């Protein structure tokens, strides 16, 4: 129990020291991300299902924080890539053609 308490205190102290070295802009962006994540989670009863505006805002704001902090968000880099792939797939898919394909012109005569 004492070892765990010492570990938790030490990690908090190091986290605070690290926090003091970061710029104010990075801290503000992280606060915006955390607030938006909380807003999304409060709207959900089950697993979070952010809508398109939520995903877009989180994707943009996530790019503004350091790489080490990106990995601890509910929106991981893998999630952002999956959203992008899904968006591209929806945007660039063509509906299947209906009916018989056209005949070449030389066989049409």
PDB file of N, CA and C in Angstrom:
ATOM      1  N   UNK A   1       0.820  -1.193   0.000  1.00  0.00           N
ATOM      2  CA  UNK A   1       0.000   0.000   0.000  1.00  0.00           C
ATOM      3  C   UNK A   1       0.861   1.252   0.000  1.00  0.00           C
ATOM      4  N   UNK A   2       1.902   1.261   0.805  1.00  0.00           N
ATOM      5  CA  UNK A   2       2.796   2.413   0.881  1.00  0.00           C
ATOM      6  C   UNK A   2       3.571   2.599  -0.413  1.00  0.00           C
ATOM      7  N   UNK A   3       3.944   1.494  -1.036  1.00  0.00           N
ATOM      8  CA  UNK A   3       4.669   1.573  -2.310  1.00  0.00           C
ATOM      9  C   UNK A   3       3.766   2.185  -3.391  1.00  0.00           C
ATOM     10  N   UNK A   4       2.513   1.749  -3.402  1.00  0.00           N
ATOM     11  CA  UNK A   4       1.584   2.281  -4.401  1.00  0.00           C
ATOM     12  C   UNK A   4       1.346   3.768  -4.188  1.00  0.00           C
ATOM     13  N   UNK A   5       1.187   4.182  -2.936  1.00  0.00           N
ATOM     14  CA  UNK A   5       0.984   5.599  -2.634  1.00  0.00           C
ATOM     15  C   UNK A   5       2.207   6.416  -3.040  1.00  0.00           C
ATOM     16  N   UNK A   6       3.375   5.917  -2.756  1.00  0.00           N
ATOM     17  CA  UNK A   6       4.609   6.614  -3.147  1.00  0.00           C
ATOM     18  C   UNK A   6       4.702   6.724  -4.665  1.00  0.00           C
ATOM     19  N   UNK A   7       4.355   5.640  -5.349  1.00  0.00           N
ATOM     20  CA  UNK A   7       4.378   5.651  -6.808  1.00  0.00           C
ATOM     21  C   UNK A   7       3.406   6.687  -7.361  1.00  0.00           C
ATOM     22  N   UNK A   8       2.181   6.725  -6.832  1.00  0.00           N
ATOM     23  CA  UNK A   8       1.191   7.681  -7.312  1.00  0.00           C
ATOM     24  C   UNK A   8       1.628   9.121  -7.055  1.00  0.00           C
ATOM     25  N   UNK A   9       2.191   9.384  -5.896  1.00  0.00           N
ATOM     26  CA  UNK A   9       2.670  10.741  -5.589  1.00  0.00           C
ATOM     27  C   UNK A   9       3.807  11.119  -6.523  1.00  0.00           C
ATOM     28  N   UNK A  10       4.744  10.205  -6.743  1.00  0.00           N
ATOM     29  CA  UNK A  10       5.882  10.493  -7.628  1.00  0.00           C
ATOM     30  C   UNK A  10       5.414  10.755  -9.057  1.00  0.00           C
ATOM     31  N   UNK A  11       4.474   9.958  -9.550  1.00  0.00           N
ATOM     32  CA  UNK A  11       4.008  10.176 -10.922  1.00  0.00           C
ATOM     33  C   UNK A  11       3.262  11.501 -11.045  1.00  0.00           C
ATOM     34  N   UNK A  12       2.501  11.880 -10.024  1.00  0.00           N
ATOM     35  CA  UNK A  12       1.814  13.183 -10.051  1.00  0.00           C
ATOM     36  C   UNK A  12       2.807  14.332 -10.054  1.00  0.00           C
ATOM     37  N   UNK A  13       3.841  14.228  -9.263  1.00  0.00           N
ATOM     38  CA  UNK A  13       4.849  15.298  -9.219  1.00  0.00           C
ATOM     39  C   UNK A  13       5.533  15.431 -10.572  1.00  0.00           C
ATOM     40  N   UNK A  14       5.907  14.299 -11.182  1.00  0.00           N
ATOM     41  CA  UNK A  14       6.540  14.362 -12.502  1.00  0.00           C
ATOM     42  C   UNK A  14       5.571  14.894 -13.561  1.00  0.00           C
ATOM     43  N   UNK A  15       4.304  14.533 -13.448  1.00  0.00           N
ATOM     44  CA  UNK A  15       3.313  15.045 -14.396  1.00  0.00           C
ATOM     45  C   UNK A  15       3.165  16.559 -14.248  1.00  0.00           C
ATOM     46  N   UNK A  16       3.150  17.052 -13.027  1.00  0.00           N
ATOM     47  CA  UNK A  16       3.051  18.505 -12.820  1.00  0.00           C
ATOM     48  C   UNK A  16       4.283  19.227 -13.338  1.00  0.00           C
ATOM     49  N   UNK A  17       5.464  18.640 -13.125  1.00  0.00           N
ATOM     50  CA  UNK A  17       6.690  19.249 -13.654  1.00  0.00           C
ATOM     51  C   UNK A  17       6.653  19.289 -15.178  1.00  0.00           C
ATOM     52  N   UNK A  18       6.196  18.215 -15.788  1.00  0.00           N
ATOM     53  CA  UNK A  18       6.083  18.180 -17.242  1.00  0.00           C
ATOM     54  C   UNK A  18       5.065  19.205 -17.723  1.00  0.00           C
ATOM     55  N   UNK A  19       3.979  19.345 -16.987  1.00  0.00           N
ATOM     56  CA  UNK A  19       2.935  20.300 -17.351  1.00  0.00           C
ATOM     57  C   UNK A  19       3.460  21.736 -17.322  1.00  0.00           C
ATOM     58  N   UNK A  20       4.340  22.017 -16.404  1.00  0.00           N
ATOM     59  CA  UNK A  20       4.891  23.372 -16.292  1.00  0.00           C
ATOM     60  C   UNK A  20       5.781  23.729 -17.478  1.00  0.00           C
ATOM     61  N   UNK A  21       6.335  22.733 -18.162  1.00  0.00           N
ATOM     62  CA  UNK A  21       7.229  23.013 -19.290  1.00  0.00           C
ATOM     63  C   UNK A  21       6.479  23.232 -20.593  1.00  0.00           C
ATOM     64  N   UNK A  22       5.198  22.898 -20.634  1.00  0.00           N
ATOM     65  CA  UNK A  22       4.433  23.037 -21.874  1.00  0.00           C
ATOM     66  C   UNK A  22       3.957  24.465 -22.069  1.00  0.00           C
ATOM     67  N   UNK A  23       3.702  24.812 -23.318  1.00  0.00           N
ATOM     68  CA  UNK A  23       3.264  26.176 -23.629  1.00  0.00           C
ATOM     69  C   UNK A  23       1.796  26.358 -23.251  1.00  0.00           C
ATOM     70  N   UNK A  24       1.392  27.604 -23.110  1.00  0.00           N
ATOM     71  CA  UNK A  24       0.005  27.915 -22.750  1.00  0.00           C
ATOM     72  C   UNK A  24      -0.946  27.511 -23.870  1.00  0.00           C
ATOM     73  N   UNK A  25      -0.518  27.651 -25.114  1.00  0.00           N
ATOM     74  CA  UNK A  25      -1.382  27.274 -26.241  1.00  0.00           C
ATOM     75  C   UNK A  25      -1.673  25.776 -26.220  1.00  0.00           C
ATOM     76  N   UNK A  26      -0.656  24.964 -25.939  1.00  0.00           N
ATOM     77  CA  UNK A  26      -0.857  23.517 -25.873  1.00  0.00           C
ATOM     78  C   UNK A  26      -1.814  23.160 -24.746  1.00  0.00           C
ATOM     79  N   UNK A  27      -1.668  23.816 -23.607  1.00  0.00           N
ATOM     80  CA  UNK A  27      -2.571  23.561 -22.484  1.00  0.00           C
ATOM     81  C   UNK A  27      -4.008  23.952 -22.830  1.00  0.00           C
ATOM     82  N   UNK A  28      -4.172  25.089 -23.497  1.00  0.00           N
ATOM     83  CA  UNK A  28      -5.521  25.529 -23.871  1.00  0.00           C
ATOM     84  C   UNK A  28      -6.173  24.573 -24.863  1.00  0.00           C
ATOM     85  N   UNK A  29      -5.395  24.078 -25.822  1.00  0.00           N
ATOM     86  CA  UNK A  29      -5.943  23.131 -26.802  1.00  0.00           C
ATOM     87  C   UNK A  29      -6.334  21.832 -26.108  1.00  0.00           C
ATOM     88  N   UNK A  30      -5.505  21.379 -25.179  1.00  0.00           N
ATOM     89  CA  UNK A  30      -5.846  20.150 -24.468  1.00  0.00           C
ATOM     90  C   UNK A  30      -7.115  20.331 -23.636  1.00  0.00           C
ATOM     91  N   UNK A  31      -7.285  21.487 -23.023  1.00  0.00           N
ATOM     92  CA  UNK A  31      -8.501  21.763 -22.262  1.00  0.00           C
ATOM     93  C   UNK A  31      -9.718  21.755 -23.191  1.00  0.00           C
ATOM     94  N   UNK A  32      -9.587  22.354 -24.383  1.00  0.00           N
ATOM     95  CA  UNK A  32     -10.698  22.332 -25.342  1.00  0.00           C
ATOM     96  C   UNK A  32     -11.055  20.905 -25.749  1.00  0.00           C
ATOM     97  N   UNK A  33     -10.046  20.094 -26.001  1.00  0.00           N
ATOM     98  CA  UNK A  33     -10.291  18.704 -26.380  1.00  0.00           C
ATOM     99  C   UNK A  33     -10.989  17.966 -25.248  1.00  0.00           C
ATOM    100  N   UNK A  34     -10.495  18.135 -24.031  1.00  0.00           N
ATOM    101  CA  UNK A  34     -11.100  17.443 -22.894  1.00  0.00           C
ATOM    102  C   UNK A  34     -12.543  17.882 -22.673  1.00  0.00           C
ATOM    103  N   UNK A  35     -12.811  19.162 -22.803  1.00  0.00           N
ATOM    104  CA  UNK A  35     -14.181  19.639 -22.636  1.00  0.00           C
ATOM    105  C   UNK A  35     -15.107  19.065 -23.702  1.00  0.00           C
ATOM    106  N   UNK A  36     -14.613  19.009 -24.935  1.00  0.00           N
ATOM    107  CA  UNK A  36     -15.456  18.475 -26.007  1.00  0.00           C
ATOM    108  C   UNK A  36     -15.677  16.977 -25.820  1.00  0.00           C
ATOM    109  N   UNK A  37     -14.633  16.252 -25.405  1.00  0.00           N
ATOM    110  CA  UNK A  37     -14.795  14.828 -25.141  1.00  0.00           C
ATOM    111  C   UNK A  37     -15.820  14.604 -24.027  1.00  0.00           C
ATOM    112  N   UNK A  38     -15.776  15.412 -22.999  1.00  0.00           N
ATOM    113  CA  UNK A  38     -16.755  15.298 -21.923  1.00  0.00           C
ATOM    114  C   UNK A  38     -18.168  15.576 -22.414  1.00  0.00           C
ATOM    115  N   UNK A  39     -18.301  16.579 -23.260  1.00  0.00           N
ATOM    116  CA  UNK A  39     -19.626  16.898 -23.797  1.00  0.00           C
ATOM    117  C   UNK A  39     -20.173  15.728 -24.612  1.00  0.00           C
ATOM    118  N   UNK A  40     -19.310  15.090 -25.406  1.00  0.00           N
ATOM    119  CA  UNK A  40     -19.734  13.934 -26.199  1.00  0.00           C
ATOM    120  C   UNK A  40     -20.114  12.781 -25.277  1.00  0.00           C
ATOM    121  N   UNK A  41     -19.297  12.526 -24.265  1.00  0.00           N
ATOM    122  CA  UNK A  41     -19.569  11.413 -23.353  1.00  0.00           C
ATOM    123  C   UNK A  41     -20.827  11.638 -22.530  1.00  0.00           C
ATOM    124  N   UNK A  42     -21.109  12.865 -22.181  1.00  0.00           N
ATOM    125  CA  UNK A  42     -22.317  13.153 -21.398  1.00  0.00           C
ATOM    126  C   UNK A  42     -23.585  12.909 -22.205  1.00  0.00           C
ATOM    127  N   UNK A  43     -23.502  13.044 -23.522  1.00  0.00           N
ATOM    128  CA  UNK A  43     -24.669  12.801 -24.368  1.00  0.00           C
ATOM    129  C   UNK A  43     -24.918  11.318 -24.580  1.00  0.00           C
ATOM    130  N   UNK A  44     -23.951  10.487 -24.248  1.00  0.00           N
ATOM    131  CA  UNK A  44     -24.053   9.056 -24.515  1.00  0.00           C
ATOM    132  C   UNK A  44     -24.424   8.309 -23.248  1.00  0.00           C
ATOM    133  N   UNK A  45     -25.265   7.329 -23.406  1.00  0.00           N
ATOM    134  CA  UNK A  45     -25.587   6.461 -22.284  1.00  0.00           C
ATOM    135  C   UNK A  45     -24.706   5.222 -22.357  1.00  0.00           C
ATOM    136  N   UNK A  46     -24.477   4.735 -23.550  1.00  0.00           N
ATOM    137  CA  UNK A  46     -23.638   3.551 -23.748  1.00  0.00           C
ATOM    138  C   UNK A  46     -22.277   3.990 -24.270  1.00  0.00           C
ATOM    139  N   UNK A  47     -21.730   3.268 -25.191  1.00  0.00           N
ATOM    140  CA  UNK A  47     -20.425   3.600 -25.765  1.00  0.00           C
ATOM    141  C   UNK A  47     -20.519   4.919 -26.525  1.00  0.00           C
ATOM    142  N   UNK A  48     -19.459   5.736 -26.472  1.00  0.00           N
ATOM    143  CA  UNK A  48     -19.509   7.026 -27.171  1.00  0.00           C
ATOM    144  C   UNK A  48     -19.629   6.836 -28.681  1.00  0.00           C
ATOM    145  N   UNK A  49     -20.539   7.601 -29.278  1.00  0.00           N
ATOM    146  CA  UNK A  49     -20.732   7.576 -30.728  1.00  0.00           C
ATOM    147  C   UNK A  49     -20.731   9.016 -31.210  1.00  0.00           C
ATOM    148  N   UNK A  50     -19.567   9.610 -31.347  1.00  0.00           N
ATOM    149  CA  UNK A  50     -19.531  11.018 -31.761  1.00  0.00           C
ATOM    150  C   UNK A  50     -20.056  11.186 -33.179  1.00  0.00           C
ATOM    151  N   UNK A  51     -20.775  12.277 -33.396  1.00  0.00           N
ATOM    152  CA  UNK A  51     -21.291  12.591 -34.719  1.00  0.00           C
ATOM    153  C   UNK A  51     -20.208  13.210 -35.585  1.00  0.00           C
ATOM    154  N   UNK A  52     -20.565  13.509 -36.832  1.00  0.00           N
ATOM    155  CA  UNK A  52     -19.612  14.077 -37.774  1.00  0.00           C
ATOM    156  C   UNK A  52     -18.999  15.374 -37.260  1.00  0.00           C
ATOM    157  N   UNK A  53     -19.768  16.337 -36.742  1.00  0.00           N
ATOM    158  CA  UNK A  53     -19.133  17.563 -36.240  1.00  0.00           C
ATOM    159  C   UNK A  53     -18.184  17.292 -35.075  1.00  0.00           C
ATOM    160  N   UNK A  54     -18.555  16.345 -34.214  1.00  0.00           N
ATOM    161  CA  UNK A  54     -17.679  15.994 -33.097  1.00  0.00           C
ATOM    162  C   UNK A  54     -16.364  15.404 -33.597  1.00  0.00           C
ATOM    163  N   UNK A  55     -16.472  14.497 -34.556  1.00  0.00           N
ATOM    164  CA  UNK A  55     -15.254  13.871 -35.091  1.00  0.00           C
ATOM    165  C   UNK A  55     -14.361  14.898 -35.778  1.00  0.00           C
ATOM    166  N   UNK A  56     -14.967  15.818 -36.522  1.00  0.00           N
ATOM    167  CA  UNK A  56     -14.175  16.828 -37.233  1.00  0.00           C
ATOM    168  C   UNK A  56     -13.457  17.740 -36.241  1.00  0.00           C
ATOM    169  N   UNK A  57     -14.179  18.187 -35.228  1.00  0.00           N
ATOM    170  CA  UNK A  57     -13.559  19.079 -34.244  1.00  0.00           C
ATOM    171  C   UNK A  57     -12.441  18.374 -33.488  1.00  0.00           C
ATOM    172  N   UNK A  58     -12.681  17.148 -33.071  1.00  0.00           N
ATOM    173  CA  UNK A  58     -11.638  16.412 -32.356  1.00  0.00           C
ATOM    174  C   UNK A  58     -10.437  16.131 -33.254  1.00  0.00           C
ATOM    175  N   UNK A  59     -10.675  15.855 -34.528  1.00  0.00           N
ATOM    176  CA  UNK A  59      -9.569  15.594 -35.451  1.00  0.00           C
ATOM    177  C   UNK A  59      -8.705  16.832 -35.622  1.00  0.00           C
ATOM    178  N   UNK A  60      -9.345  17.991 -35.750  1.00  0.00           N
ATOM    179  CA  UNK A  60      -8.585  19.229 -35.944  1.00  0.00           C
ATOM    180  C   UNK A  60      -7.820  19.592 -34.673  1.00  0.00           C
ATOM    181  N   UNK A  61      -8.494  19.541 -33.539  1.00  0.00           N
ATOM    182  CA  UNK A  61      -7.831  19.929 -32.294  1.00  0.00           C
ATOM    183  C   UNK A  61      -6.735  18.950 -31.891  1.00  0.00           C
ATOM    184  N   UNK A  62      -6.909  17.684 -32.214  1.00  0.00           N
ATOM    185  CA  UNK A  62      -5.904  16.687 -31.857  1.00  0.00           C
ATOM    186  C   UNK A  62      -4.581  16.949 -32.562  1.00  0.00           C
ATOM    187  N   UNK A  63      -4.646  17.520 -33.766  1.00  0.00           N
ATOM    188  CA  UNK A  63      -3.413  17.814 -34.499  1.00  0.00           C
ATOM    189  C   UNK A  63      -2.584  18.917 -33.827  1.00  0.00           C
ATOM    190  N   UNK A  64      -3.185  19.683 -32.930  1.00  0.00           N
ATOM    191  CA  UNK A  64      -2.492  20.806 -32.315  1.00  0.00           C
ATOM    192  C   UNK A  64      -1.757  20.454 -31.029  1.00  0.00           C
ATOM    193  N   UNK A  65      -1.923  19.247 -30.518  1.00  0.00           N
ATOM    194  CA  UNK A  65      -1.243  18.875 -29.275  1.00  0.00           C
ATOM    195  C   UNK A  65      -0.093  17.934 -29.584  1.00  0.00           C
ATOM    196  N   UNK A  66       0.862  17.802 -28.671  1.00  0.00           N
ATOM    197  CA  UNK A  66       2.018  16.926 -28.908  1.00  0.00           C
ATOM    198  C   UNK A  66       1.615  15.462 -29.093  1.00  0.00           C
ATOM    199  N   UNK A  67       2.482  14.728 -29.765  1.00  0.00           N
ATOM    200  CA  UNK A  67       2.222  13.322 -30.094  1.00  0.00           C
ATOM    201  C   UNK A  67       1.962  12.485 -28.843  1.00  0.00           C
ATOM    202  N   UNK A  68       2.686  12.720 -27.774  1.00  0.00           N
ATOM    203  CA  UNK A  68       2.525  11.911 -26.562  1.00  0.00           C
ATOM    204  C   UNK A  68       1.122  12.048 -25.979  1.00  0.00           C
ATOM    205  N   UNK A  69       0.524  13.213 -26.118  1.00  0.00           N
ATOM    206  CA  UNK A  69      -0.816  13.418 -25.563  1.00  0.00           C
ATOM    207  C   UNK A  69      -1.902  12.883 -26.478  1.00  0.00           C
ATOM    208  N   UNK A  70      -1.626  12.747 -27.761  1.00  0.00           N
ATOM    209  CA  UNK A  70      -2.633  12.263 -28.708  1.00  0.00           C
ATOM    210  C   UNK A  70      -3.048  10.831 -28.411  1.00  0.00           C
ATOM    211  N   UNK A  71      -2.124  10.046 -27.875  1.00  0.00           N
ATOM    212  CA  UNK A  71      -2.387   8.624 -27.675  1.00  0.00           C
ATOM    213  C   UNK A  71      -3.325   8.362 -26.505  1.00  0.00           C
ATOM    214  N   UNK A  72      -3.580   9.356 -25.658  1.00  0.00           N
ATOM    215  CA  UNK A  72      -4.413   9.149 -24.472  1.00  0.00           C
ATOM    216  C   UNK A  72      -5.834   9.670 -24.637  1.00  0.00           C
ATOM    217  N   UNK A  73      -6.225  10.015 -25.796  1.00  0.00           N
ATOM    218  CA  UNK A  73      -7.566  10.553 -26.037  1.00  0.00           C
ATOM    219  C   UNK A  73      -8.522   9.427 -26.400  1.00  0.00           C
ATOM    220  N   UNK A  74      -9.833   9.718 -26.324  1.00  0.00           N
ATOM    221  CA  UNK A  74     -10.796   8.708 -26.775  1.00  0.00           C
ATOM    222  C   UNK A  74     -10.727   8.576 -28.290  1.00  0.00           C
ATOM    223  N   UNK A  75     -10.173   9.592 -28.934  1.00  0.00           N
ATOM    224  CA  UNK A  75      -9.990   9.563 -30.378  1.00  0.00           C
ATOM    225  C   UNK A  75      -8.507   9.320 -30.632  1.00  0.00           C
ATOM    226  N   UNK A  76      -8.148   8.076 -30.862  1.00  0.00           N
ATOM    227  CA  UNK A  76      -6.758   7.732 -31.105  1.00  0.00           C
ATOM    228  C   UNK A  76      -6.405   8.014 -32.564  1.00  0.00           C
ATOM    229  N   UNK A  77      -5.122   8.056 -32.893  1.00  0.00           N
ATOM    230  CA  UNK A  77      -4.743   8.230 -34.307  1.00  0.00           C
ATOM    231  C   UNK A  77      -5.334   7.143 -35.200  1.00  0.00           C
ATOM    232  N   UNK A  78      -5.457   5.921 -34.684  1.00  0.00           N
ATOM    233  CA  UNK A  78      -6.051   4.846 -35.459  1.00  0.00           C
ATOM    234  C   UNK A  78      -7.522   5.139 -35.758  1.00  0.00           C
ATOM    235  N   UNK A  79      -8.218   5.727 -34.776  1.00  0.00           N
ATOM    236  CA  UNK A  79      -9.620   6.084 -34.975  1.00  0.00           C
ATOM    237  C   UNK A  79      -9.751   7.164 -36.035  1.00  0.00           C
ATOM    238  N   UNK A  80      -8.878   8.160 -35.997  1.00  0.00           N
ATOM    239  CA  UNK A  80      -8.916   9.224 -36.999  1.00  0.00           C
ATOM    240  C   UNK A  80      -8.709   8.670 -38.400  1.00  0.00           C
ATOM    241  N   UNK A  81      -7.762   7.740 -38.539  1.00  0.00           N
ATOM    242  CA  UNK A  81      -7.526   7.130 -39.850  1.00  0.00           C
ATOM    243  C   UNK A  81      -8.735   6.317 -40.309  1.00  0.00           C
ATOM    244  N   UNK A  82      -9.381   5.622 -39.386  1.00  0.00           N
ATOM    245  CA  UNK A  82     -10.568   4.847 -39.752  1.00  0.00           C
ATOM    246  C   UNK A  82     -11.688   5.774 -40.220  1.00  0.00           C
ATOM    247  N   UNK A  83     -11.877   6.905 -39.520  1.00  0.00           N
ATOM    248  CA  UNK A  83     -12.891   7.873 -39.937  1.00  0.00           C
ATOM    249  C   UNK A  83     -12.580   8.392 -41.334  1.00  0.00           C
ATOM    250  N   UNK A  84     -11.299   8.689 -41.598  1.00  0.00           N
ATOM    251  CA  UNK A  84     -10.910   9.212 -42.904  1.00  0.00           C
ATOM    252  C   UNK A  84     -11.159   8.174 -43.992  1.00  0.00           C
ATOM    253  N   UNK A  85     -10.771   6.928 -43.741  1.00  0.00           N
ATOM    254  CA  UNK A  85     -11.001   5.866 -44.731  1.00  0.00           C
ATOM    255  C   UNK A  85     -12.488   5.703 -45.030  1.00  0.00           C
ATOM    256  N   UNK A  86     -13.315   5.751 -43.993  1.00  0.00           N
ATOM    257  CA  UNK A  86     -14.759   5.613 -44.191  1.00  0.00           C
ATOM    258  C   UNK A  86     -15.316   6.778 -45.000  1.00  0.00           C
ATOM    259  N   UNK A  87     -14.822   7.989 -44.708  1.00  0.00           N
ATOM    260  CA  UNK A  87     -15.284   9.160 -45.443  1.00  0.00           C
ATOM    261  C   UNK A  87     -14.902   9.065 -46.917  1.00  0.00           C
ATOM    262  N   UNK A  88     -13.663   8.678 -47.189  1.00  0.00           N
ATOM    263  CA  UNK A  88     -13.209   8.549 -48.571  1.00  0.00           C
ATOM    264  C   UNK A  88     -13.985   7.447 -49.280  1.00  0.00           C
ATOM    265  N   UNK A  89     -14.233   6.351 -48.577  1.00  0.00           N
ATOM    266  CA  UNK A  89     -14.978   5.247 -49.183  1.00  0.00           C
ATOM    267  C   UNK A  89     -16.391   5.674 -49.562  1.00  0.00           C
ATOM    268  N   UNK A  90     -17.053   6.451 -48.694  1.00  0.00           N
ATOM    269  CA  UNK A  90     -18.402   6.924 -48.995  1.00  0.00           C
ATOM    270  C   UNK A  90     -18.391   7.945 -50.125  1.00  0.00           C
ATOM    271  N   UNK A  91     -17.374   8.777 -50.157  1.00  0.00           N
ATOM    272  CA  UNK A  91     -17.322   9.857 -51.133  1.00  0.00           C
ATOM    273  C   UNK A  91     -17.013   9.337 -52.539  1.00  0.00           C
ATOM    274  N   UNK A  92     -16.107   8.375 -52.645  1.00  0.00           N
ATOM    275  CA  UNK A  92     -15.609   7.980 -53.951  1.00  0.00           C
ATOM    276  C   UNK A  92     -16.155   6.658 -54.467  1.00  0.00           C
ATOM    277  N   UNK A  93     -17.135   6.099 -53.826  1.00  0.00           N
ATOM    278  CA  UNK A  93     -17.721   4.880 -54.380  1.00  0.00           C
ATOM    279  C   UNK A  93     -18.750   5.251 -55.437  1.00  0.00           C
ATOM    280  N   UNK A  94     -18.824   4.445 -56.472  1.00  0.00           N
ATOM    281  CA  UNK A  94     -19.802   4.677 -57.529  1.00  0.00           C
ATOM    282  C   UNK A  94     -20.904   3.649 -57.394  1.00  0.00           C
ATOM    283  N   UNK A  95     -22.123   4.046 -57.639  1.00  0.00           N
ATOM    284  CA  UNK A  95     -23.202   3.058 -57.544  1.00  0.00           C
ATOM    285  C   UNK A  95     -23.032   2.000 -58.636  1.00  0.00           C
ATOM    286  N   UNK A  96     -23.451   0.789 -58.353  1.00  0.00           N
ATOM    287  CA  UNK A  96     -23.309  -0.258 -59.374  1.00  0.00           C
ATOM    288  C   UNK A  96     -24.177   0.069 -60.588  1.00  0.00           C
ATOM    289  N   UNK A  97     -23.638  -0.246 -61.744  1.00  0.00           N
ATOM    290  CA  UNK A  97     -24.392   0.029 -62.970  1.00  0.00           C
ATOM    291  C   UNK A  97     -25.549  -0.968 -63.077  1.00  0.00           C
ATOM    292  N   UNK A  98     -26.644  -0.507 -63.625  1.00  0.00           N
ATOM    293  CA  UNK A  98     -27.812  -1.373 -63.770  1.00  0.00           C
ATOM    294  C   UNK A  98     -27.949  -1.802 -65.218  1.00  0.00           C
ATOM    295  N   UNK A  99     -28.504  -2.955 -65.433  1.00  0.00           N
ATOM    296  CA  UNK A  99     -28.759  -3.429 -66.792  1.00  0.00           C
ATOM    297  C   UNK A  99     -27.548  -4.078 -67.431  1.00  0.00           C
ATOM    298  N   UNK A 100     -27.706  -4.362 -68.678  1.00  0.00           N
ATOM    299  CA  UNK A 100     -26.679  -5.035 -69.454  1.00  0.00           C
ATOM    300  C   UNK A 100     -25.608  -4.030 -69.872  1.00  0.00           C
ATOM    301  N   UNK A 101     -24.329  -4.427 -69.831  1.00  0.00           N
ATOM    302  CA  UNK A 101     -23.289  -3.517 -70.281  1.00  0.00           C
ATOM    303  C   UNK A 101     -23.418  -3.257 -71.782  1.00  0.00           C
ATOM    304  N   UNK A 102     -23.002  -2.097 -72.261  1.00  0.00           N
ATOM    305  CA  UNK A 102     -23.130  -1.784 -73.693  1.00  0.00           C
ATOM    306  C   UNK A 102     -22.236  -2.702 -74.540  1.00  0.00           C
ATOM    307  N   UNK A 103     -22.702  -2.970 -75.760  1.00  0.00           N
ATOM    308  CA  UNK A 103     -21.935  -3.779 -76.698  1.00  0.00           C
ATOM    309  C   UNK A 103     -20.903  -2.920 -77.401  1.00  0.00           C
ATOM    310  N   UNK A 104     -19.783  -3.495 -77.803  1.00  0.00           N
ATOM    311  CA  UNK A 104     -18.822  -2.737 -78.597  1.00  0.00           C
ATOM    312  C   UNK A 104     -19.449  -2.311 -79.922  1.00  0.00           C
ATOM    313  N   UNK A 105     -19.006  -1.220 -80.499  1.00  0.00           N
ATOM    314  CA  UNK A 105     -19.620  -0.679 -81.715  1.00  0.00           C
ATOM    315  C   UNK A 105     -19.493  -1.603 -82.918  1.00  0.00           C
ATOM    316  N   UNK A 106     -18.377  -2.339 -83.031  1.00  0.00           N
ATOM    317  CA  UNK A 106     -18.220  -3.210 -84.204  1.00  0.00           C
ATOM    318  C   UNK A 106     -19.202  -4.378 -84.179  1.00  0.00           C
ATOM    319  N   UNK A 107     -19.644  -4.828 -83.026  1.00  0.00           N
ATOM    320  CA  UNK A 107     -20.592  -5.925 -82.986  1.00  0.00           C
ATOM    321  C   UNK A 107     -22.037  -5.427 -83.043  1.00  0.00           C
ATOM    322  N   UNK A 108     -22.270  -4.113 -82.932  1.00  0.00           N
ATOM    323  CA  UNK A 108     -23.609  -3.580 -82.953  1.00  0.00           C
ATOM    324  C   UNK A 108     -24.166  -3.515 -84.375  1.00  0.00           C
ATOM    325  N   UNK A 109     -23.378  -3.617 -85.361  1.00  0.00           N
ATOM    326  CA  UNK A 109     -23.866  -3.511 -86.749  1.00  0.00           C
ATOM    327  C   UNK A 109     -24.390  -4.805 -87.301  1.00  0.00           C
TER     328      UNK A 109
END
